[in-house]
PDB file of all heavy atoms in Angstrom:
ATOM      1  N   VAL A   1      99.100  96.543 110.593  1.00  0.00           N
ATOM      2  CA  VAL A   1      99.631  97.034 109.373  1.00  0.00           C
ATOM      3  C   VAL A   1      98.482  98.178 108.953  1.00  0.00           C
ATOM      4  O   VAL A   1      98.929  99.225 108.498  1.00  0.00           O
ATOM      5  CB  VAL A   1      99.749  95.974 108.376  1.00  0.00           C
ATOM      6  CG1 VAL A   1      99.742  96.444 106.900  1.00  0.00           C
ATOM      7  CG2 VAL A   1     100.824  95.006 108.561  1.00  0.00           C
ATOM      8  N   MET A   2      97.320  97.840 108.992  1.00  0.00           N
ATOM      9  CA  MET A   2      96.257  98.944 108.556  1.00  0.00           C
ATOM     10  C   MET A   2      96.341 100.109 109.399  1.00  0.00           C
ATOM     11  O   MET A   2      96.192 101.289 108.922  1.00  0.00           O
ATOM     12  CB  MET A   2      94.910  98.230 108.531  1.00  0.00           C
ATOM     13  CG  MET A   2      95.002  97.284 107.341  1.00  0.00           C
ATOM     14  SD  MET A   2      93.342  96.284 107.226  1.00  0.00           S
ATOM     15  CE  MET A   2      92.172  97.448 106.795  1.00  0.00           C
ATOM     16  N   LEU A   3      96.569  99.984 110.693  1.00  0.00           N
ATOM     17  CA  LEU A   3      96.648 101.218 111.511  1.00  0.00           C
ATOM     18  C   LEU A   3      97.801 101.982 111.203  1.00  0.00           C
ATOM     19  O   LEU A   3      97.878 103.192 111.146  1.00  0.00           O
ATOM     20  CB  LEU A   3      96.582 100.772 113.105  1.00  0.00           C
ATOM     21  CG  LEU A   3      95.304 100.235 113.572  1.00  0.00           C
ATOM     22  CD1 LEU A   3      95.460  99.657 115.010  1.00  0.00           C
ATOM     23  CD2 LEU A   3      94.300 101.339 113.623  1.00  0.00           C
ATOM     24  N   ALA A   4      98.962 101.213 110.907  1.00  0.00           N
ATOM     25  CA  ALA A   4     100.199 102.010 110.543  1.00  0.00           C
ATOM     26  C   ALA A   4      99.960 102.807 109.193  1.00  0.00           C
ATOM     27  O   ALA A   4     100.329 103.995 109.053  1.00  0.00           O
ATOM     28  CB  ALA A   4     101.374 101.013 110.358  1.00  0.00           C
ATOM     29  N   VAL A   5      99.165 102.157 108.262  1.00  0.00           N
ATOM     30  CA  VAL A   5      98.858 102.678 106.984  1.00  0.00           C
ATOM     31  C   VAL A   5      98.112 104.103 107.288  1.00  0.00           C
ATOM     32  O   VAL A   5      98.349 105.188 106.705  1.00  0.00           O
ATOM     33  CB  VAL A   5      98.145 101.788 106.066  1.00  0.00           C
ATOM     34  CG1 VAL A   5      97.494 102.671 104.778  1.00  0.00           C
ATOM     35  CG2 VAL A   5      99.074 100.772 105.565  1.00  0.00           C
ATOM     36  N   LEU A   6      97.114 104.009 108.253  1.00  0.00           N
ATOM     37  CA  LEU A   6      96.239 105.139 108.574  1.00  0.00           C
ATOM     38  C   LEU A   6      97.248 106.141 109.132  1.00  0.00           C
ATOM     39  O   LEU A   6      97.001 107.451 108.819  1.00  0.00           O
ATOM     40  CB  LEU A   6      95.263 104.755 109.481  1.00  0.00           C
ATOM     41  CG  LEU A   6      94.031 104.141 108.851  1.00  0.00           C
ATOM     42  CD1 LEU A   6      93.024 103.584 110.026  1.00  0.00           C
ATOM     43  CD2 LEU A   6      93.209 105.157 108.107  1.00  0.00           C
ATOM     44  N   ARG A   7      98.026 105.754 110.044  1.00  0.00           N
ATOM     45  CA  ARG A   7      98.894 106.934 110.698  1.00  0.00           C
ATOM     46  C   ARG A   7      99.861 107.543 109.842  1.00  0.00           C
ATOM     47  O   ARG A   7     100.127 108.773 109.840  1.00  0.00           O
ATOM     48  CB  ARG A   7      99.725 106.215 111.851  1.00  0.00           C
ATOM     49  CG  ARG A   7      98.872 105.769 113.018  1.00  0.00           C
ATOM     50  CD  ARG A   7      99.748 105.348 114.142  1.00  0.00           C
ATOM     51  NE  ARG A   7      99.133 105.245 115.376  1.00  0.00           N
ATOM     52  CZ  ARG A   7      98.778 106.294 116.166  1.00  0.00           C
ATOM     53  NH1 ARG A   7      99.021 107.643 115.792  1.00  0.00           N
ATOM     54  NH2 ARG A   7      98.108 106.163 117.243  1.00  0.00           N
ATOM     55  N   LEU A   8     100.403 106.676 108.845  1.00  0.00           N
ATOM     56  CA  LEU A   8     101.448 107.217 107.863  1.00  0.00           C
ATOM     57  C   LEU A   8     100.860 108.062 106.792  1.00  0.00           C
ATOM     58  O   LEU A   8     101.453 109.022 106.348  1.00  0.00           O
ATOM     59  CB  LEU A   8     102.332 106.177 107.317  1.00  0.00           C
ATOM     60  CG  LEU A   8     103.085 105.467 108.257  1.00  0.00           C
ATOM     61  CD1 LEU A   8     103.533 104.076 107.683  1.00  0.00           C
ATOM     62  CD2 LEU A   8     104.317 106.235 108.731  1.00  0.00           C
ATOM     63  N   GLY A   9      99.659 107.818 106.385  1.00  0.00           N
ATOM     64  CA  GLY A   9      99.038 108.470 105.255  1.00  0.00           C
ATOM     65  C   GLY A   9      99.437 107.969 103.892  1.00  0.00           C
ATOM     66  O   GLY A   9     100.719 107.276 103.929  1.00  0.00           O
ATOM     67  N   GLU A  10      98.806 108.122 102.881  1.00  0.00           N
ATOM     68  CA  GLU A  10      99.179 107.553 101.650  1.00  0.00           C
ATOM     69  C   GLU A  10     100.465 108.039 100.961  1.00  0.00           C
ATOM     70  O   GLU A  10     101.208 107.323 100.188  1.00  0.00           O
ATOM     71  CB  GLU A  10      98.107 107.482 100.501  1.00  0.00           C
ATOM     72  CG  GLU A  10      97.451 108.868 100.220  1.00  0.00           C
ATOM     73  CD  GLU A  10      96.254 108.627  99.294  1.00  0.00           C
ATOM     74  OE1 GLU A  10      95.283 108.136  99.829  1.00  0.00           O
ATOM     75  OE2 GLU A  10      96.496 108.984  98.115  1.00  0.00           O
ATOM     76  N   SER A  11     100.932 109.140 101.391  1.00  0.00           N
ATOM     77  CA  SER A  11     102.207 109.576 100.809  1.00  0.00           C
ATOM     78  C   SER A  11     103.428 109.052 101.588  1.00  0.00           C
ATOM     79  O   SER A  11     104.556 109.141 100.946  1.00  0.00           O
ATOM     80  CB  SER A  11     102.376 111.172 100.950  1.00  0.00           C
ATOM     81  OG  SER A  11     102.368 111.602 102.220  1.00  0.00           O
ATOM     82  N   GLU A  12     103.257 108.444 102.612  1.00  0.00           N
ATOM     83  CA  GLU A  12     104.465 107.805 103.378  1.00  0.00           C
ATOM     84  C   GLU A  12     104.217 106.188 103.769  1.00  0.00           C
ATOM     85  O   GLU A  12     105.108 105.800 104.268  1.00  0.00           O
ATOM     86  CB  GLU A  12     104.600 108.569 104.721  1.00  0.00           C
ATOM     87  CG  GLU A  12     104.974 110.003 104.538  1.00  0.00           C
ATOM     88  CD  GLU A  12     106.429 110.064 103.867  1.00  0.00           C
ATOM     89  OE1 GLU A  12     107.330 109.256 104.244  1.00  0.00           O
ATOM     90  OE2 GLU A  12     106.478 110.994 103.005  1.00  0.00           O
ATOM     91  N   ALA A  13     103.090 105.701 103.324  1.00  0.00           N
ATOM     92  CA  ALA A  13     102.893 104.262 103.692  1.00  0.00           C
ATOM     93  C   ALA A  13     103.376 103.267 102.670  1.00  0.00           C
ATOM     94  O   ALA A  13     102.888 103.203 101.561  1.00  0.00           O
ATOM     95  CB  ALA A  13     101.288 104.050 103.916  1.00  0.00           C
ATOM     96  N   TYR A  14     104.479 102.804 102.984  1.00  0.00           N
ATOM     97  CA  TYR A  14     105.149 101.705 102.172  1.00  0.00           C
ATOM     98  C   TYR A  14     105.717 100.785 103.125  1.00  0.00           C
ATOM     99  O   TYR A  14     105.805 101.003 104.388  1.00  0.00           O
ATOM    100  CB  TYR A  14     106.122 102.332 101.216  1.00  0.00           C
ATOM    101  CG  TYR A  14     107.296 103.090 101.724  1.00  0.00           C
ATOM    102  CD1 TYR A  14     108.424 102.498 102.076  1.00  0.00           C
ATOM    103  CD2 TYR A  14     106.982 104.492 102.085  1.00  0.00           C
ATOM    104  CE1 TYR A  14     109.423 103.311 102.550  1.00  0.00           C
ATOM    105  CE2 TYR A  14     108.009 105.233 102.568  1.00  0.00           C
ATOM    106  CZ  TYR A  14     109.178 104.616 102.834  1.00  0.00           C
ATOM    107  OH  TYR A  14     110.162 105.431 103.435  1.00  0.00           O
ATOM    108  N   ALA A  15     106.094  99.575 102.695  1.00  0.00           N
ATOM    109  CA  ALA A  15     106.499  98.479 103.609  1.00  0.00           C
ATOM    110  C   ALA A  15     107.466  98.801 104.691  1.00  0.00           C
ATOM    111  O   ALA A  15     107.240  98.443 105.723  1.00  0.00           O
ATOM    112  CB  ALA A  15     107.126  97.237 102.726  1.00  0.00           C
ATOM    113  N   VAL A  16     108.603  99.422 104.189  1.00  0.00           N
ATOM    114  CA  VAL A  16     109.641  99.790 105.228  1.00  0.00           C
ATOM    115  C   VAL A  16     109.080 100.574 106.369  1.00  0.00           C
ATOM    116  O   VAL A  16     109.179 100.373 107.543  1.00  0.00           O
ATOM    117  CB  VAL A  16     110.875 100.353 104.557  1.00  0.00           C
ATOM    118  CG1 VAL A  16     111.826 100.842 105.554  1.00  0.00           C
ATOM    119  CG2 VAL A  16     111.607  99.357 103.671  1.00  0.00           C
ATOM    120  N   SER A  17     108.413 101.725 105.847  1.00  0.00           N
ATOM    121  CA  SER A  17     107.771 102.723 106.858  1.00  0.00           C
ATOM    122  C   SER A  17     106.751 102.079 107.813  1.00  0.00           C
ATOM    123  O   SER A  17     106.635 102.451 108.959  1.00  0.00           O
ATOM    124  CB  SER A  17     107.336 103.940 106.229  1.00  0.00           C
ATOM    125  OG  SER A  17     106.030 103.602 105.327  1.00  0.00           O
ATOM    126  N   ILE A  18     106.038 101.199 107.149  1.00  0.00           N
ATOM    127  CA  ILE A  18     104.991 100.435 107.905  1.00  0.00           C
ATOM    128  C   ILE A  18     105.546  99.602 109.057  1.00  0.00           C
ATOM    129  O   ILE A  18     105.186  99.620 110.173  1.00  0.00           O
ATOM    130  CB  ILE A  18     104.080  99.574 107.118  1.00  0.00           C
ATOM    131  CG1 ILE A  18     103.175 100.558 106.123  1.00  0.00           C
ATOM    132  CG2 ILE A  18     103.187  98.626 107.902  1.00  0.00           C
ATOM    133  CD1 ILE A  18     102.506  99.867 105.006  1.00  0.00           C
ATOM    134  N   ALA A  19     106.780  98.785 108.610  1.00  0.00           N
ATOM    135  CA  ALA A  19     107.406  98.004 109.656  1.00  0.00           C
ATOM    136  C   ALA A  19     108.006  98.894 110.685  1.00  0.00           C
ATOM    137  O   ALA A  19     107.987  98.485 112.004  1.00  0.00           O
ATOM    138  CB  ALA A  19     108.469  97.194 108.924  1.00  0.00           C
ATOM    139  N   GLU A  20     108.553  99.992 110.434  1.00  0.00           N
ATOM    140  CA  GLU A  20     109.177 100.951 111.457  1.00  0.00           C
ATOM    141  C   GLU A  20     108.144 101.528 112.209  1.00  0.00           C
ATOM    142  O   GLU A  20     108.362 101.597 113.521  1.00  0.00           O
ATOM    143  CB  GLU A  20     109.864 102.019 110.753  1.00  0.00           C
ATOM    144  CG  GLU A  20     111.189 101.605 109.956  1.00  0.00           C
ATOM    145  CD  GLU A  20     111.771 102.702 109.121  1.00  0.00           C
ATOM    146  OE1 GLU A  20     111.300 103.923 108.974  1.00  0.00           O
ATOM    147  OE2 GLU A  20     112.859 102.443 108.630  1.00  0.00           O
ATOM    148  N   GLU A  21     106.930 101.921 111.680  1.00  0.00           N
ATOM    149  CA  GLU A  21     105.746 102.496 112.547  1.00  0.00           C
ATOM    150  C   GLU A  21     105.314 101.462 113.636  1.00  0.00           C
ATOM    151  O   GLU A  21     105.104 101.727 114.680  1.00  0.00           O
ATOM    152  CB  GLU A  21     104.757 102.858 111.678  1.00  0.00           C
ATOM    153  CG  GLU A  21     103.512 103.483 112.361  1.00  0.00           C
ATOM    154  CD  GLU A  21     103.839 104.885 112.845  1.00  0.00           C
ATOM    155  OE1 GLU A  21     104.890 105.577 112.368  1.00  0.00           O
ATOM    156  OE2 GLU A  21     103.055 105.471 113.633  1.00  0.00           O
ATOM    157  N   ILE A  22     105.210 100.163 113.219  1.00  0.00           N
ATOM    158  CA  ILE A  22     104.809  99.034 114.072  1.00  0.00           C
ATOM    159  C   ILE A  22     105.848  98.856 115.200  1.00  0.00           C
ATOM    160  O   ILE A  22     105.533  98.873 116.386  1.00  0.00           O
ATOM    161  CB  ILE A  22     104.441  97.792 113.207  1.00  0.00           C
ATOM    162  CG1 ILE A  22     103.324  97.969 112.411  1.00  0.00           C
ATOM    163  CG2 ILE A  22     104.359  96.607 114.230  1.00  0.00           C
ATOM    164  CD1 ILE A  22     103.073  96.867 111.375  1.00  0.00           C
ATOM    165  N   ARG A  23     107.061  98.885 114.788  1.00  0.00           N
ATOM    166  CA  ARG A  23     108.142  98.700 115.778  1.00  0.00           C
ATOM    167  C   ARG A  23     108.215  99.761 116.757  1.00  0.00           C
ATOM    168  O   ARG A  23     108.343  99.642 117.980  1.00  0.00           O
ATOM    169  CB  ARG A  23     109.561  98.462 115.104  1.00  0.00           C
ATOM    170  CG  ARG A  23     110.700  98.211 116.014  1.00  0.00           C
ATOM    171  CD  ARG A  23     111.932  98.214 115.276  1.00  0.00           C
ATOM    172  NE  ARG A  23     112.264  99.280 114.499  1.00  0.00           N
ATOM    173  CZ  ARG A  23     112.633 100.618 114.943  1.00  0.00           C
ATOM    174  NH1 ARG A  23     112.595 100.798 116.150  1.00  0.00           N
ATOM    175  NH2 ARG A  23     112.854 101.492 114.023  1.00  0.00           N
ATOM    176  N   GLU A  24     108.161 101.032 116.207  1.00  0.00           N
ATOM    177  CA  GLU A  24     108.247 102.199 117.142  1.00  0.00           C
ATOM    178  C   GLU A  24     107.048 102.306 118.086  1.00  0.00           C
ATOM    179  O   GLU A  24     107.201 102.703 119.263  1.00  0.00           O
ATOM    180  CB  GLU A  24     108.319 103.575 116.280  1.00  0.00           C
ATOM    181  CG  GLU A  24     109.590 103.750 115.553  1.00  0.00           C
ATOM    182  CD  GLU A  24     109.638 104.915 114.666  1.00  0.00           C
ATOM    183  OE1 GLU A  24     108.641 105.733 114.686  1.00  0.00           O
ATOM    184  OE2 GLU A  24     110.542 105.055 113.891  1.00  0.00           O
ATOM    185  N   ARG A  25     105.856 102.022 117.651  1.00  0.00           N
ATOM    186  CA  ARG A  25     104.626 102.073 118.474  1.00  0.00           C
ATOM    187  C   ARG A  25     104.392 100.856 119.454  1.00  0.00           C
ATOM    188  O   ARG A  25     103.815 101.011 120.474  1.00  0.00           O
ATOM    189  CB  ARG A  25     103.414 102.374 117.740  1.00  0.00           C
ATOM    190  CG  ARG A  25     103.544 103.739 117.002  1.00  0.00           C
ATOM    191  CD  ARG A  25     102.264 104.176 116.514  1.00  0.00           C
ATOM    192  NE  ARG A  25     102.384 105.698 116.029  1.00  0.00           N
ATOM    193  CZ  ARG A  25     102.145 106.608 116.868  1.00  0.00           C
ATOM    194  NH1 ARG A  25     101.757 106.553 118.078  1.00  0.00           N
ATOM    195  NH2 ARG A  25     102.246 107.808 116.413  1.00  0.00           N
ATOM    196  N   THR A  26     104.844  99.635 119.066  1.00  0.00           N
ATOM    197  CA  THR A  26     104.472  98.514 119.762  1.00  0.00           C
ATOM    198  C   THR A  26     105.638  97.741 120.417  1.00  0.00           C
ATOM    199  O   THR A  26     105.541  96.946 121.253  1.00  0.00           O
ATOM    200  CB  THR A  26     103.677  97.514 118.925  1.00  0.00           C
ATOM    201  OG1 THR A  26     104.628  96.903 117.846  1.00  0.00           O
ATOM    202  CG2 THR A  26     102.501  98.056 118.217  1.00  0.00           C
ATOM    203  N   GLY A  27     106.803  97.984 119.828  1.00  0.00           N
ATOM    204  CA  GLY A  27     108.020  97.240 120.155  1.00  0.00           C
ATOM    205  C   GLY A  27     108.254  95.965 119.498  1.00  0.00           C
ATOM    206  O   GLY A  27     109.056  95.210 119.790  1.00  0.00           O
ATOM    207  N   ARG A  28     107.260  95.681 118.708  1.00  0.00           N
ATOM    208  CA  ARG A  28     107.236  94.444 117.930  1.00  0.00           C
ATOM    209  C   ARG A  28     107.996  94.585 116.468  1.00  0.00           C
ATOM    210  O   ARG A  28     107.729  95.464 115.782  1.00  0.00           O
ATOM    211  CB  ARG A  28     105.807  94.038 117.589  1.00  0.00           C
ATOM    212  CG  ARG A  28     105.716  92.768 116.751  1.00  0.00           C
ATOM    213  CD  ARG A  28     104.287  92.234 116.613  1.00  0.00           C
ATOM    214  NE  ARG A  28     104.059  91.195 115.777  1.00  0.00           N
ATOM    215  CZ  ARG A  28     103.075  90.566 115.398  1.00  0.00           C
ATOM    216  NH1 ARG A  28     101.894  90.949 115.845  1.00  0.00           N
ATOM    217  NH2 ARG A  28     102.980  89.572 114.542  1.00  0.00           N
ATOM    218  N   SER A  29     109.070  93.758 116.337  1.00  0.00           N
ATOM    219  CA  SER A  29     109.763  93.883 115.059  1.00  0.00           C
ATOM    220  C   SER A  29     109.012  93.003 114.122  1.00  0.00           C
ATOM    221  O   SER A  29     108.773  91.793 114.383  1.00  0.00           O
ATOM    222  CB  SER A  29     111.251  93.317 115.369  1.00  0.00           C
ATOM    223  OG  SER A  29     111.983  93.429 114.202  1.00  0.00           O
ATOM    224  N   VAL A  30     108.845  93.564 112.938  1.00  0.00           N
ATOM    225  CA  VAL A  30     108.116  92.987 111.935  1.00  0.00           C
ATOM    226  C   VAL A  30     109.005  92.893 110.597  1.00  0.00           C
ATOM    227  O   VAL A  30     109.456  93.991 110.204  1.00  0.00           O
ATOM    228  CB  VAL A  30     106.810  93.556 111.499  1.00  0.00           C
ATOM    229  CG1 VAL A  30     106.024  92.794 110.384  1.00  0.00           C
ATOM    230  CG2 VAL A  30     105.876  93.497 112.766  1.00  0.00           C
ATOM    231  N   ARG A  31     109.294  91.815 110.063  1.00  0.00           N
ATOM    232  CA  ARG A  31     110.090  91.779 108.802  1.00  0.00           C
ATOM    233  C   ARG A  31     109.353  92.476 107.655  1.00  0.00           C
ATOM    234  O   ARG A  31     108.156  92.201 107.515  1.00  0.00           O
ATOM    235  CB  ARG A  31     110.359  90.309 108.502  1.00  0.00           C
ATOM    236  CG  ARG A  31     111.313  89.658 109.523  1.00  0.00           C
ATOM    237  CD  ARG A  31     111.489  88.238 109.294  1.00  0.00           C
ATOM    238  NE  ARG A  31     112.030  88.018 108.017  1.00  0.00           N
ATOM    239  CZ  ARG A  31     113.066  87.269 107.834  1.00  0.00           C
ATOM    240  NH1 ARG A  31     113.696  86.608 108.862  1.00  0.00           N
ATOM    241  NH2 ARG A  31     113.584  87.044 106.681  1.00  0.00           N
ATOM    242  N   ARG A  32     110.041  93.009 106.741  1.00  0.00           N
ATOM    243  CA  ARG A  32     109.516  93.565 105.488  1.00  0.00           C
ATOM    244  C   ARG A  32     108.765  92.665 104.775  1.00  0.00           C
ATOM    245  O   ARG A  32     107.637  92.783 104.199  1.00  0.00           O
ATOM    246  CB  ARG A  32     110.558  94.288 104.811  1.00  0.00           C
ATOM    247  CG  ARG A  32     110.946  95.618 105.126  1.00  0.00           C
ATOM    248  CD  ARG A  32     111.913  96.254 104.229  1.00  0.00           C
ATOM    249  NE  ARG A  32     113.183  95.393 104.182  1.00  0.00           N
ATOM    250  CZ  ARG A  32     114.157  95.473 103.237  1.00  0.00           C
ATOM    251  NH1 ARG A  32     114.107  96.395 102.394  1.00  0.00           N
ATOM    252  NH2 ARG A  32     115.181  94.879 103.481  1.00  0.00           N
ATOM    253  N   ALA A  33     109.312  91.396 104.584  1.00  0.00           N
ATOM    254  CA  ALA A  33     108.640  90.262 103.789  1.00  0.00           C
ATOM    255  C   ALA A  33     107.226  90.023 104.388  1.00  0.00           C
ATOM    256  O   ALA A  33     106.280  89.674 103.652  1.00  0.00           O
ATOM    257  CB  ALA A  33     109.539  89.101 103.867  1.00  0.00           C
ATOM    258  N   THR A  34     107.223  90.055 105.680  1.00  0.00           N
ATOM    259  CA  THR A  34     105.922  89.756 106.378  1.00  0.00           C
ATOM    260  C   THR A  34     104.925  90.860 106.071  1.00  0.00           C
ATOM    261  O   THR A  34     103.740  90.531 105.858  1.00  0.00           O
ATOM    262  CB  THR A  34     106.161  89.589 107.871  1.00  0.00           C
ATOM    263  OG1 THR A  34     107.057  88.633 108.198  1.00  0.00           O
ATOM    264  CG2 THR A  34     104.820  89.278 108.706  1.00  0.00           C
ATOM    265  N   VAL A  35     105.383  92.023 106.031  1.00  0.00           N
ATOM    266  CA  VAL A  35     104.590  93.165 105.659  1.00  0.00           C
ATOM    267  C   VAL A  35     104.073  93.172 104.405  1.00  0.00           C
ATOM    268  O   VAL A  35     102.823  93.217 103.958  1.00  0.00           O
ATOM    269  CB  VAL A  35     105.276  94.645 105.998  1.00  0.00           C
ATOM    270  CG1 VAL A  35     104.369  95.792 105.519  1.00  0.00           C
ATOM    271  CG2 VAL A  35     105.542  94.827 107.388  1.00  0.00           C
ATOM    272  N   TYR A  36     105.031  92.717 103.412  1.00  0.00           N
ATOM    273  CA  TYR A  36     104.588  92.596 102.002  1.00  0.00           C
ATOM    274  C   TYR A  36     103.464  91.525 101.775  1.00  0.00           C
ATOM    275  O   TYR A  36     102.548  91.790 101.062  1.00  0.00           O
ATOM    276  CB  TYR A  36     105.759  92.163 101.081  1.00  0.00           C
ATOM    277  CG  TYR A  36     106.783  93.240 100.780  1.00  0.00           C
ATOM    278  CD1 TYR A  36     108.088  93.029 101.103  1.00  0.00           C
ATOM    279  CD2 TYR A  36     106.480  94.452 100.162  1.00  0.00           C
ATOM    280  CE1 TYR A  36     109.021  94.133 100.877  1.00  0.00           C
ATOM    281  CE2 TYR A  36     107.316  95.474  99.961  1.00  0.00           C
ATOM    282  CZ  TYR A  36     108.652  95.332 100.392  1.00  0.00           C
ATOM    283  OH  TYR A  36     109.608  96.289 100.063  1.00  0.00           O
ATOM    284  N   VAL A  37     103.660  90.335 102.449  1.00  0.00           N
ATOM    285  CA  VAL A  37     102.663  89.352 102.332  1.00  0.00           C
ATOM    286  C   VAL A  37     101.301  89.758 102.930  1.00  0.00           C
ATOM    287  O   VAL A  37     100.205  89.485 102.278  1.00  0.00           O
ATOM    288  CB  VAL A  37     103.165  87.993 103.037  1.00  0.00           C
ATOM    289  CG1 VAL A  37     102.049  86.987 103.165  1.00  0.00           C
ATOM    290  CG2 VAL A  37     104.382  87.401 102.300  1.00  0.00           C
ATOM    291  N   THR A  38     101.364  90.450 103.927  1.00  0.00           N
ATOM    292  CA  THR A  38     100.167  90.898 104.695  1.00  0.00           C
ATOM    293  C   THR A  38      99.455  91.995 103.747  1.00  0.00           C
ATOM    294  O   THR A  38      98.266  91.962 103.578  1.00  0.00           O
ATOM    295  CB  THR A  38     100.390  91.581 106.050  1.00  0.00           C
ATOM    296  OG1 THR A  38     101.134  90.540 106.894  1.00  0.00           O
ATOM    297  CG2 THR A  38      99.127  92.061 106.745  1.00  0.00           C
ATOM    298  N   LEU A  39     100.268  92.889 103.180  1.00  0.00           N
ATOM    299  CA  LEU A  39      99.608  93.884 102.260  1.00  0.00           C
ATOM    300  C   LEU A  39      99.018  93.224 100.990  1.00  0.00           C
ATOM    301  O   LEU A  39      97.961  93.546 100.592  1.00  0.00           O
ATOM    302  CB  LEU A  39     100.671  94.888 101.880  1.00  0.00           C
ATOM    303  CG  LEU A  39     101.072  95.849 102.867  1.00  0.00           C
ATOM    304  CD1 LEU A  39     102.291  96.740 102.539  1.00  0.00           C
ATOM    305  CD2 LEU A  39      99.895  96.788 103.295  1.00  0.00           C
ATOM    306  N   GLN A  40      99.670  92.204 100.617  1.00  0.00           N
ATOM    307  CA  GLN A  40      99.146  91.449  99.333  1.00  0.00           C
ATOM    308  C   GLN A  40      97.679  90.826  99.653  1.00  0.00           C
ATOM    309  O   GLN A  40      96.957  90.772  98.915  1.00  0.00           O
ATOM    310  CB  GLN A  40     100.028  90.251  98.887  1.00  0.00           C
ATOM    311  CG  GLN A  40     101.313  90.910  98.020  1.00  0.00           C
ATOM    312  CD  GLN A  40     102.382  89.801  97.735  1.00  0.00           C
ATOM    313  OE1 GLN A  40     102.402  88.820  98.325  1.00  0.00           O
ATOM    314  NE2 GLN A  40     102.822  89.938  96.532  1.00  0.00           N
ATOM    315  N   ARG A  41      97.763  90.087 100.881  1.00  0.00           N
ATOM    316  CA  ARG A  41      96.479  89.613 101.325  1.00  0.00           C
ATOM    317  C   ARG A  41      95.413  90.615 101.496  1.00  0.00           C
ATOM    318  O   ARG A  41      94.194  90.455 101.001  1.00  0.00           O
ATOM    319  CB  ARG A  41      96.757  88.828 102.743  1.00  0.00           C
ATOM    320  CG  ARG A  41      95.586  87.985 103.211  1.00  0.00           C
ATOM    321  CD  ARG A  41      95.940  87.105 104.311  1.00  0.00           C
ATOM    322  NE  ARG A  41      96.501  87.771 105.465  1.00  0.00           N
ATOM    323  CZ  ARG A  41      97.810  87.655 105.825  1.00  0.00           C
ATOM    324  NH1 ARG A  41      98.619  86.751 105.304  1.00  0.00           N
ATOM    325  NH2 ARG A  41      98.180  88.263 106.995  1.00  0.00           N
ATOM    326  N   LEU A  42      95.688  91.637 102.094  1.00  0.00           N
ATOM    327  CA  LEU A  42      94.761  92.865 102.357  1.00  0.00           C
ATOM    328  C   LEU A  42      94.284  93.441 100.949  1.00  0.00           C
ATOM    329  O   LEU A  42      93.096  93.803 100.749  1.00  0.00           O
ATOM    330  CB  LEU A  42      95.322  93.916 103.223  1.00  0.00           C
ATOM    331  CG  LEU A  42      95.494  93.391 104.762  1.00  0.00           C
ATOM    332  CD1 LEU A  42      96.266  94.542 105.374  1.00  0.00           C
ATOM    333  CD2 LEU A  42      94.161  93.255 105.302  1.00  0.00           C
ATOM    334  N   GLU A  43      95.259  93.457 100.052  1.00  0.00           N
ATOM    335  CA  GLU A  43      94.840  94.014  98.719  1.00  0.00           C
ATOM    336  C   GLU A  43      93.882  92.956  97.997  1.00  0.00           C
ATOM    337  O   GLU A  43      92.911  93.463  97.350  1.00  0.00           O
ATOM    338  CB  GLU A  43      96.016  94.315  97.905  1.00  0.00           C
ATOM    339  CG  GLU A  43      95.790  95.068  96.664  1.00  0.00           C
ATOM    340  CD  GLU A  43      96.984  95.791  96.116  1.00  0.00           C
ATOM    341  OE1 GLU A  43      98.129  95.448  96.491  1.00  0.00           O
ATOM    342  OE2 GLU A  43      96.749  96.672  95.233  1.00  0.00           O
ATOM    343  N   GLN A  44      94.175  91.653  98.051  1.00  0.00           N
ATOM    344  CA  GLN A  44      93.273  90.680  97.476  1.00  0.00           C
ATOM    345  C   GLN A  44      91.836  90.818  98.084  1.00  0.00           C
ATOM    346  O   GLN A  44      90.906  90.675  97.387  1.00  0.00           O
ATOM    347  CB  GLN A  44      93.790  89.353  97.646  1.00  0.00           C
ATOM    348  CG  GLN A  44      95.056  89.093  96.921  1.00  0.00           C
ATOM    349  CD  GLN A  44      95.731  87.744  97.198  1.00  0.00           C
ATOM    350  OE1 GLN A  44      95.479  87.046  98.179  1.00  0.00           O
ATOM    351  NE2 GLN A  44      96.598  87.351  96.380  1.00  0.00           N
TER     352      GLN A  44
END
């Protein structure tokens, strides 16, 4: 998630784009809800 945020930059990094970036680069499908929970944990 953090690497996707770095790649996207702050003008494009939001849950949907983060999940898409991870899927495109790794082939791993990540649910938006999982990204939201991870971002909340990282923000805390």
